[in-house]
Structure formats: C-alpha cells, structure tokens
C-alpha cells in the first residue's frame, strides 16, 4: 500500500478523523499554528510544505510565486493573473472562492442545514434576529475550502460592503465528518458576517466566513484589522466599500468555509449541489431580472 493510499484510508476512518481533529486542545493548537506559520525561514517553510503534501493534494502551479518565506505566505498566496476567469454574464453572482459545495438550497423560513438532520437558525449564526429576516425563504450555499485550496475570497457581484460583524467563538473542524456530529457547528465557531448591497436598490447578500481549527484568523482588504482569537476590538463595524464582481475581499490564513445567503427570488446556478467543486469566478447563482437590471445599470454608471 502506498503512503497516499494509507493516508486516504486513515482519513476516511470517521472516528479516528474526528478524534484527531476535534478532541484535542483546539484553541491552543490554533494559536500555536498561527505563530509557527509566520516564522520566516525558507528551509523550514520548504520542509513544512513537504509534510503538508503528505496529507493533501497541494498544487502550487497556479501560484503567483513558487517560493515562500513562511507557511503563512504559502497559505495566503495569490494566483497568477487570469488563473480564475470571472463570469461576466448579466445577473450572475459568482462563487467568492474555490470550494467544495456543502449543503445548499432553499432556506426554510430562517432555518438552514449544515448537514442532513442538523439544522441551525440564521439569527444564531448572524448574531442578530433582524439580520436574518431579509433572507427568509431565500437560498444558501455552504462553500468549504480545503487546506490545499486557494484561500482568498472575492466579491460575488458589483455592489458595496456596508457592514461587518465579528463573532468570536470556538475552532471546531468544519469537515463533513464534524458537521454530521456537532450540532450548530457554524454557530459555535469564530466567524465574520459581511453585509453587501447589490445595485441601487440595495439588494442584500451576506457572506459569512467561518474559521476552524488551525484557521482562526481572517483579514479583509477594506478594514485594517486582523480578526483572530485574541481580537478585543469593536465587533460591529460600519463600512462603505464599493466592490466589483471578482474583486478580492480578503483571505483566510488556512482553509475553512464561507456561507453565502441570498434573498427570496434568487436561484442557484445549474450544477450547484453537494459535493460539486467550484472555482472562484464561476456562476454560483442568478439574480431575479429586476435585480440584474439594477446591478447592470449601476455598473454602467460607474464605468462612465
């Protein structure tokens, strides 16, 4: 049996996987990884990447640079220009990140599923009852980033980021095995809630980046703050950041999850289903005609 086959066999043992990735001092390991990943030593970084590749299918062929001073630089790498074409069709909302689609589909009132039989309420996820109301009976998509994926995330459409809420929490693993065992997991972990408005009508979209074990740090380009387990600043921050479809919003410092919430009337794009791999810039959802017209009009005005 090859080393890769042995690795895959061990990772598929659910009890062992859950034990190794959750029944450990999650917070301490996450803080340790944050410190270790920032050590700038190219030899240590190359050795660490070699070990990393024993457990993942890490591919750096699309990276803007191929040599890194630290693991942190590798985790947060940019891609070569043009590596992720952005769907420019009118009314399309694109995937904000490279990911594997987790649970997705209609929101039942304000209830969403992280896995079959494991519901959670939007007010608990978002830290506000009113924040979830615009998405009653809308659509949701859970986008899971593996550790080997490109970790930056981008705007799904033209619009403005108008508000940010940071919610501190735990660092449970967010892989499918944990999602089937830990109720309301996304509501327990550290996360941010990015409120966007699309077009002049202010059509709402929420992106909820959720951190995880070894991944409790989020950076956003439009705010000079790094959100992490030791963050003690403001938790509600008003913003007014114009963004274009495909424009970079920020990054995780390792793989994790983004939950996209869309209002009623939006529909998921063909092929968006559990287990589907998607890349940043590919079609994720379609806006209703009125929304698409509004977004298109605003984009034309901005370009003149």
Protein backbone atom coordinates (compact mmCIF):
# COMPACT_ATOMS: atom_id res chain seq x y z
CA UNK A 1 0.00 0.00 0.00
CA UNK A 2 1.35 3.43 -0.96
CA UNK A 3 1.76 6.22 1.59
CA UNK A 4 -1.00 8.22 -0.15
CA UNK A 5 -3.40 5.25 -0.07
CA UNK A 6 -2.63 4.70 3.63
CA UNK A 7 -3.24 8.39 4.31
CA UNK A 8 -6.59 8.32 2.49
CA UNK A 9 -7.65 5.16 4.31
CA UNK A 10 -6.86 6.67 7.72
CA UNK A 11 -8.62 9.94 6.92
CA UNK A 12 -11.75 8.04 5.91
CA UNK A 13 -11.98 6.38 9.32
CA UNK A 14 -14.56 8.77 10.75
CA UNK A 15 -13.99 8.05 14.44
CA UNK A 16 -10.22 8.49 14.09
CA UNK A 17 -10.60 11.60 11.93
CA UNK A 18 -12.98 13.23 14.42
CA UNK A 19 -10.73 12.33 17.35
CA UNK A 20 -7.56 13.68 15.76
CA UNK A 21 -9.12 16.92 14.52
CA UNK A 22 -11.52 17.80 17.33
CA UNK A 23 -10.77 16.00 20.62
CA UNK A 24 -7.59 17.99 21.00
CA UNK A 25 -6.85 21.40 22.60
CA UNK A 26 -8.28 23.20 19.55
CA UNK A 27 -7.67 26.78 20.68
CA UNK A 28 -4.10 26.15 21.83
CA UNK A 29 -3.22 24.31 18.61
CA UNK A 30 -4.75 27.09 16.54
CA UNK A 31 -2.72 29.78 18.32
CA UNK A 32 0.42 27.64 18.00
CA UNK A 33 -0.16 27.16 14.27
CA UNK A 34 -0.67 30.90 13.84
CA UNK A 35 2.70 31.56 15.48
CA UNK A 36 4.52 28.77 13.63
CA UNK A 37 3.17 29.71 10.20
CA UNK A 38 4.68 33.21 10.49
CA UNK A 39 8.25 32.05 11.13
CA UNK A 40 10.25 33.37 8.16
CA UNK A 41 12.74 30.66 7.28
CA UNK A 42 12.72 29.34 3.70
CA UNK A 43 14.22 25.96 4.59
CA UNK A 44 11.69 25.42 7.39
CA UNK A 45 8.93 26.52 5.01
CA UNK A 46 10.01 24.03 2.31
CA UNK A 47 10.14 21.20 4.84
CA UNK A 48 6.73 22.16 6.22
CA UNK A 49 5.22 22.23 2.72
CA UNK A 50 6.70 18.79 2.04
CA UNK A 51 4.97 17.43 5.16
CA UNK A 52 1.77 19.26 4.22
CA UNK A 53 1.80 17.49 0.83
CA UNK A 54 1.79 14.10 2.57
CA UNK A 55 -1.75 14.86 3.79
CA UNK A 56 -3.21 16.99 0.97
CA UNK A 57 -3.10 17.39 -2.80
CA UNK A 58 -1.41 20.80 -2.59
CA UNK A 59 -0.87 22.27 -6.07
CA UNK A 60 1.18 25.47 -6.35
CA UNK A 61 1.40 25.53 -10.16
CA UNK A 62 -1.10 28.44 -10.37
CA UNK A 63 0.54 30.48 -7.61
CA UNK A 64 1.88 33.92 -8.48
CA UNK A 65 5.14 32.95 -6.76
CA UNK A 66 6.57 29.49 -6.17
CA UNK A 67 8.97 30.20 -3.30
CA UNK A 68 7.68 31.41 0.06
CA UNK A 69 9.40 32.91 3.13
CA UNK A 70 6.88 31.29 5.50
CA UNK A 71 3.94 28.90 5.64
CA UNK A 72 1.68 31.91 6.16
CA UNK A 73 2.80 33.31 2.79
CA UNK A 74 2.01 29.97 1.15
CA UNK A 75 -1.42 29.70 2.84
CA UNK A 76 -2.40 33.20 1.67
CA UNK A 77 -0.79 33.00 -1.78
CA UNK A 78 -2.15 34.94 -4.73
CA UNK A 79 -2.70 33.28 -8.09
CA UNK A 80 -1.25 34.21 -11.47
CA UNK A 81 -3.26 36.90 -13.30
CA UNK A 82 -6.06 35.27 -15.29
CA UNK A 83 -5.97 31.99 -13.35
CA UNK A 84 -9.62 32.49 -12.33
CA UNK A 85 -11.77 33.94 -15.15
CA UNK A 86 -14.85 35.71 -13.76
CA UNK A 87 -18.24 35.00 -15.36
CA UNK A 88 -19.40 38.35 -16.76
CA UNK A 89 -22.97 37.46 -17.70
CA UNK A 90 -25.66 39.87 -16.60
CA UNK A 91 -27.39 38.76 -13.41
CA UNK A 92 -24.80 36.16 -12.41
CA UNK A 93 -23.44 36.04 -8.86
CA UNK A 94 -20.11 34.23 -8.93
CA UNK A 95 -18.53 31.97 -6.35
CA UNK A 96 -16.45 34.08 -3.95
CA UNK A 97 -13.85 31.33 -3.57
CA UNK A 98 -12.52 27.97 -4.68
CA UNK A 99 -14.52 25.40 -2.75
CA UNK A 100 -16.43 22.17 -2.48
CA UNK A 101 -20.18 22.81 -2.24
CA UNK A 102 -21.56 21.56 1.06
CA UNK A 103 -25.22 21.84 1.98
CA UNK A 104 -27.18 24.17 -0.30
CA UNK A 105 -30.71 25.02 -1.37
CA UNK A 106 -33.78 26.83 -0.02
CA UNK A 107 -33.80 28.47 3.41
CA UNK A 108 -36.82 27.16 5.37
CA UNK A 109 -38.06 30.38 6.93
CA UNK A 110 -34.82 31.33 8.67
CA UNK A 111 -33.59 27.76 9.21
CA UNK A 112 -30.61 26.32 7.33
CA UNK A 113 -28.99 22.88 7.32
CA UNK A 114 -25.29 22.25 7.87
CA UNK A 115 -25.84 18.53 7.14
CA UNK A 116 -28.83 16.19 6.91
CA UNK A 117 -30.74 16.34 10.17
CA UNK A 118 -28.59 19.14 11.61
CA UNK A 119 -30.42 22.47 11.25
CA UNK A 120 -29.37 25.83 12.65
CA UNK A 121 -31.09 29.21 12.84
CA UNK A 122 -29.85 32.24 10.92
CA UNK A 123 -30.26 34.61 13.92
CA UNK A 124 -27.82 32.44 15.89
CA UNK A 125 -25.35 32.26 13.02
CA UNK A 126 -25.51 36.00 12.35
CA UNK A 127 -25.72 37.22 15.93
CA UNK A 128 -28.89 39.18 15.18
CA UNK A 129 -32.54 38.26 14.61
CA UNK A 130 -33.13 41.21 12.25
CA UNK A 131 -30.05 40.39 10.15
CA UNK A 132 -31.62 37.12 9.02
CA UNK A 133 -35.06 38.47 8.04
CA UNK A 134 -34.10 39.66 4.51
CA UNK A 135 -33.11 36.06 3.74
CA UNK A 136 -36.30 34.38 4.93
CA UNK A 137 -37.22 31.69 2.37
CA UNK A 138 -34.18 32.61 0.29
CA UNK A 139 -31.25 30.45 -0.81
CA UNK A 140 -28.00 29.41 0.84
CA UNK A 141 -24.77 27.75 -0.22
CA UNK A 142 -22.07 26.41 2.08
CA UNK A 143 -18.65 26.61 0.41
CA UNK A 144 -15.93 24.51 2.04
CA UNK A 145 -12.29 25.38 1.39
CA UNK A 146 -9.84 22.53 1.98
CA UNK A 147 -6.40 23.26 3.39
CA UNK A 148 -4.74 22.87 -0.03
CA UNK A 149 -7.05 25.30 -1.87
CA UNK A 150 -6.56 28.93 -2.80
CA UNK A 151 -7.63 30.79 0.36
CA UNK A 152 -8.56 34.27 -0.81
CA UNK A 153 -12.21 35.23 -1.30
CA UNK A 154 -13.82 37.73 -3.65
CA UNK A 155 -16.97 39.79 -4.29
CA UNK A 156 -19.78 37.74 -5.90
CA UNK A 157 -21.21 40.79 -7.72
CA UNK A 158 -20.88 44.55 -8.11
CA UNK A 159 -22.06 46.38 -5.02
CA UNK A 160 -20.95 47.76 -1.67
CA UNK A 161 -19.88 46.19 1.60
CA UNK A 162 -21.90 48.14 4.16
CA UNK A 163 -21.37 46.37 7.47
CA UNK A 164 -19.14 43.86 9.21
CA UNK A 165 -19.89 41.89 12.35
CA UNK A 166 -17.17 39.81 14.02
CA UNK A 167 -18.28 36.96 16.30
CA UNK A 168 -15.64 35.22 18.38
CA UNK A 169 -16.05 31.53 19.09
CA UNK A 170 -14.59 28.03 19.04
CA UNK A 171 -12.39 26.37 16.41
CA UNK A 172 -14.10 23.07 15.61
CA UNK A 173 -13.04 21.37 12.40
CA UNK A 174 -15.59 22.10 9.65
CA UNK A 175 -15.10 18.95 7.56
CA UNK A 176 -18.15 16.78 6.69
CA UNK A 177 -17.39 14.32 9.50
CA UNK A 178 -17.61 17.05 12.15
CA UNK A 179 -20.68 18.61 10.52
CA UNK A 180 -22.54 15.30 10.95
CA UNK A 181 -21.63 15.10 14.66
CA UNK A 182 -21.56 18.61 16.14
CA UNK A 183 -24.90 20.41 16.18
CA UNK A 184 -24.97 24.10 15.14
CA UNK A 185 -21.24 23.94 14.48
CA UNK A 186 -21.09 27.08 12.33
CA UNK A 187 -22.86 29.00 15.11
CA UNK A 188 -20.16 27.93 17.58
CA UNK A 189 -17.04 28.85 15.60
CA UNK A 190 -15.32 32.18 15.09
CA UNK A 191 -16.85 33.96 12.11
CA UNK A 192 -17.45 37.26 10.36
CA UNK A 193 -20.67 38.49 8.75
CA UNK A 194 -20.16 40.66 5.65
CA UNK A 195 -23.26 42.53 4.55
CA UNK A 196 -23.32 43.55 0.88
CA UNK A 197 -25.81 45.61 -1.09
CA UNK A 198 -26.16 44.98 -4.81
CA UNK A 199 -27.24 47.75 -7.15
CA UNK A 200 -29.08 50.96 -6.35
CA UNK A 201 -31.99 49.05 -4.81
CA UNK A 202 -29.72 47.78 -2.05
CA UNK A 203 -30.47 44.09 -2.68
CA UNK A 204 -28.86 42.27 0.27
CA UNK A 205 -26.33 39.45 0.15
CA UNK A 206 -24.46 38.07 3.14
CA UNK A 207 -21.12 36.26 3.13
CA UNK A 208 -20.23 34.53 6.39
CA UNK A 209 -16.58 33.38 6.53
CA UNK A 210 -16.31 30.74 9.30
CA UNK A 211 -12.93 29.91 10.79
CA UNK A 212 -11.89 26.47 12.09
CA UNK A 213 -9.13 24.59 13.88
CA UNK A 214 -5.73 26.00 12.80
CA UNK A 215 -7.68 28.69 10.88
CA UNK A 216 -8.88 31.28 13.37
CA UNK A 217 -7.70 34.38 11.55
CA UNK A 218 -9.46 36.43 8.87
CA UNK A 219 -8.21 39.52 7.02
CA UNK A 220 -10.35 41.92 4.97
CA UNK A 221 -8.86 44.33 2.44
CA UNK A 222 -11.18 47.25 3.22
CA UNK A 223 -10.54 47.25 7.01
CA UNK A 224 -7.04 47.43 8.51
CA UNK A 225 -7.81 44.85 11.19
CA UNK A 226 -6.89 41.19 11.57
CA UNK A 227 -9.69 39.25 13.25
CA UNK A 228 -8.38 36.39 15.37
CA UNK A 229 -8.91 34.55 18.67
CA UNK A 230 -7.23 37.32 20.69
CA UNK A 231 -9.02 40.20 18.97
CA UNK A 232 -10.60 42.59 21.50
CA UNK A 233 -11.76 45.47 19.30
CA UNK A 234 -15.18 46.55 18.01
CA UNK A 235 -17.45 43.71 16.92
CA UNK A 236 -19.81 45.79 14.73
CA UNK A 237 -18.13 48.00 12.14
CA UNK A 238 -19.96 50.19 9.62
CA UNK A 239 -18.39 50.13 6.15
CA UNK A 240 -18.89 51.79 2.78
CA UNK A 241 -16.58 49.85 0.47
CA UNK A 242 -17.51 49.70 -3.24
CA UNK A 243 -16.53 46.39 -4.85
CA UNK A 244 -16.62 44.87 -8.33
CA UNK A 245 -17.56 41.31 -9.20
CA UNK A 246 -14.46 39.15 -8.68
CA UNK A 247 -12.58 41.81 -6.68
CA UNK A 248 -10.62 40.39 -3.76
CA UNK A 249 -12.28 40.96 -0.38
CA UNK A 250 -9.83 39.21 1.95
CA UNK A 251 -8.43 35.87 2.97
CA UNK A 252 -8.32 33.06 5.50
CA UNK A 253 -4.97 32.06 6.90
CA UNK A 254 -5.77 28.41 6.06
CA UNK A 255 -8.79 26.56 4.60
CA UNK A 256 -12.27 26.95 6.07
CA UNK A 257 -15.88 27.76 4.99
CA UNK A 258 -17.92 30.60 3.52
CA UNK A 259 -21.72 30.57 3.81
CA UNK A 260 -23.48 32.66 1.14
CA UNK A 261 -27.04 33.84 1.92
CA UNK A 262 -29.33 35.17 -0.83
CA UNK A 263 -32.85 36.67 -0.62
CA UNK A 264 -36.01 35.04 -1.97
CA UNK A 265 -36.15 35.27 -5.76
CA UNK A 266 -32.51 34.37 -6.33
CA UNK A 267 -31.85 30.86 -7.63
CA UNK A 268 -28.77 28.68 -7.56
CA UNK A 269 -26.93 28.09 -10.83
CA UNK A 270 -27.14 24.74 -12.59
CA UNK A 271 -24.73 22.20 -11.11
CA UNK A 272 -24.59 23.75 -7.65
CA UNK A 273 -25.12 20.67 -5.49
CA UNK A 274 -23.48 18.91 -2.57
CA UNK A 275 -20.00 17.63 -3.42
CA UNK A 276 -19.56 19.78 -6.53
CA UNK A 277 -16.19 21.52 -6.88
CA UNK A 278 -16.35 25.15 -7.91
CA UNK A 279 -13.75 27.81 -8.58
CA UNK A 280 -13.81 31.48 -7.75
CA UNK A 281 -15.47 33.35 -10.62
CA UNK A 282 -17.76 30.54 -11.78
CA UNK A 283 -21.53 31.04 -11.70
CA UNK A 284 -22.98 30.40 -8.23
CA UNK A 285 -26.47 31.90 -8.51
CA UNK A 286 -28.78 34.01 -10.68
CA UNK A 287 -30.44 37.22 -9.56
CA UNK A 288 -34.09 37.95 -10.46
CA UNK A 289 -34.48 40.11 -13.59
CA UNK A 290 -35.24 43.27 -11.60
CA UNK A 291 -32.11 42.81 -9.50
CA UNK A 292 -29.98 42.00 -12.53
CA UNK A 293 -31.19 45.16 -14.31
CA UNK A 294 -30.44 47.25 -11.21
CA UNK A 295 -26.93 45.83 -10.81
CA UNK A 296 -26.24 46.25 -14.54
CA UNK A 297 -27.38 49.88 -14.52
CA UNK A 298 -25.14 50.71 -11.57
CA UNK A 299 -22.15 49.02 -13.21
CA UNK A 300 -22.69 51.02 -16.43
CA UNK A 301 -22.92 54.31 -14.50
CA UNK A 302 -19.73 53.50 -12.58
CA UNK A 303 -17.83 52.87 -15.84
CA UNK A 304 -18.81 56.20 -17.45
